[in-house]
Amino acid sequence: MVLAARGTRNLDAGDEPVNDREIEDQLRRQARKVYIESIVMALVLTAIMILVSK
């Protein structure tokens, strides 16, 4: 996710800049999706733990 935010990707040769705008946009969309899913999952698990602990 950090690499997508920096506009780079890690392949066999190591980190390299993404020169194709379309690929860069796709990587950023994927990173955004992962961030959103992780926040939602954290909220759901927190709510479950609060409900179970009562």
Protein backbone atom coordinates (compact mmCIF):
# COMPACT_ATOMS: atom_id res chain seq x y z
CA MET A 1 0.00 0.00 0.00
CA VAL A 2 2.85 2.33 0.77
CA LEU A 3 4.39 1.65 -2.62
CA ALA A 4 1.15 2.57 -4.40
CA ALA A 5 1.02 5.83 -2.46
CA ARG A 6 4.58 6.60 -3.64
CA GLY A 7 3.84 5.65 -7.24
CA THR A 8 6.21 2.68 -7.23
CA ARG A 9 5.89 -1.08 -7.42
CA ASN A 10 8.09 -3.95 -6.28
CA LEU A 11 8.97 -6.52 -8.91
CA ASP A 12 11.80 -9.05 -9.17
CA ALA A 13 14.34 -6.27 -9.69
CA GLY A 14 13.15 -4.35 -6.60
CA ASP A 15 11.22 -1.09 -6.31
CA GLU A 16 10.69 0.75 -9.56
CA PRO A 17 8.58 3.75 -10.51
CA VAL A 18 5.28 3.21 -12.30
CA ASN A 19 5.44 5.09 -15.58
CA ASP A 20 2.01 4.13 -16.91
CA ARG A 21 -0.73 6.42 -15.58
CA GLU A 22 -3.42 3.75 -16.00
CA ILE A 23 -1.49 1.19 -13.95
CA GLU A 24 -0.73 3.79 -11.28
CA ASP A 25 -4.43 4.65 -11.01
CA GLN A 26 -5.32 0.95 -10.73
CA LEU A 27 -2.76 0.42 -7.96
CA ARG A 28 -4.13 3.42 -6.05
CA ARG A 29 -7.71 2.10 -6.39
CA GLN A 30 -6.65 -1.29 -5.07
CA ALA A 31 -4.81 0.31 -2.16
CA ARG A 32 -7.84 2.46 -1.31
CA LYS A 33 -10.06 -0.63 -1.35
CA VAL A 34 -7.74 -2.48 1.03
CA TYR A 35 -7.63 0.48 3.43
CA ILE A 36 -11.42 0.80 3.45
CA GLU A 37 -11.92 -2.94 3.97
CA SER A 38 -9.45 -2.98 6.86
CA ILE A 39 -11.16 -0.04 8.58
CA VAL A 40 -14.60 -1.64 8.19
CA MET A 41 -13.32 -4.96 9.52
CA ALA A 42 -11.68 -3.27 12.50
CA LEU A 43 -14.94 -1.47 13.32
CA VAL A 44 -16.98 -4.68 13.02
CA LEU A 45 -14.58 -6.66 15.22
CA THR A 46 -14.49 -3.85 17.78
CA ALA A 47 -18.29 -3.75 17.91
CA ILE A 48 -18.45 -7.52 18.34
CA MET A 49 -15.94 -7.43 21.18
CA ILE A 50 -17.86 -4.65 22.92
CA LEU A 51 -21.11 -6.58 22.63
CA VAL A 52 -19.56 -9.85 23.84
CA SER A 53 -17.83 -8.25 26.81
CA LYS A 54 -21.10 -6.93 28.28
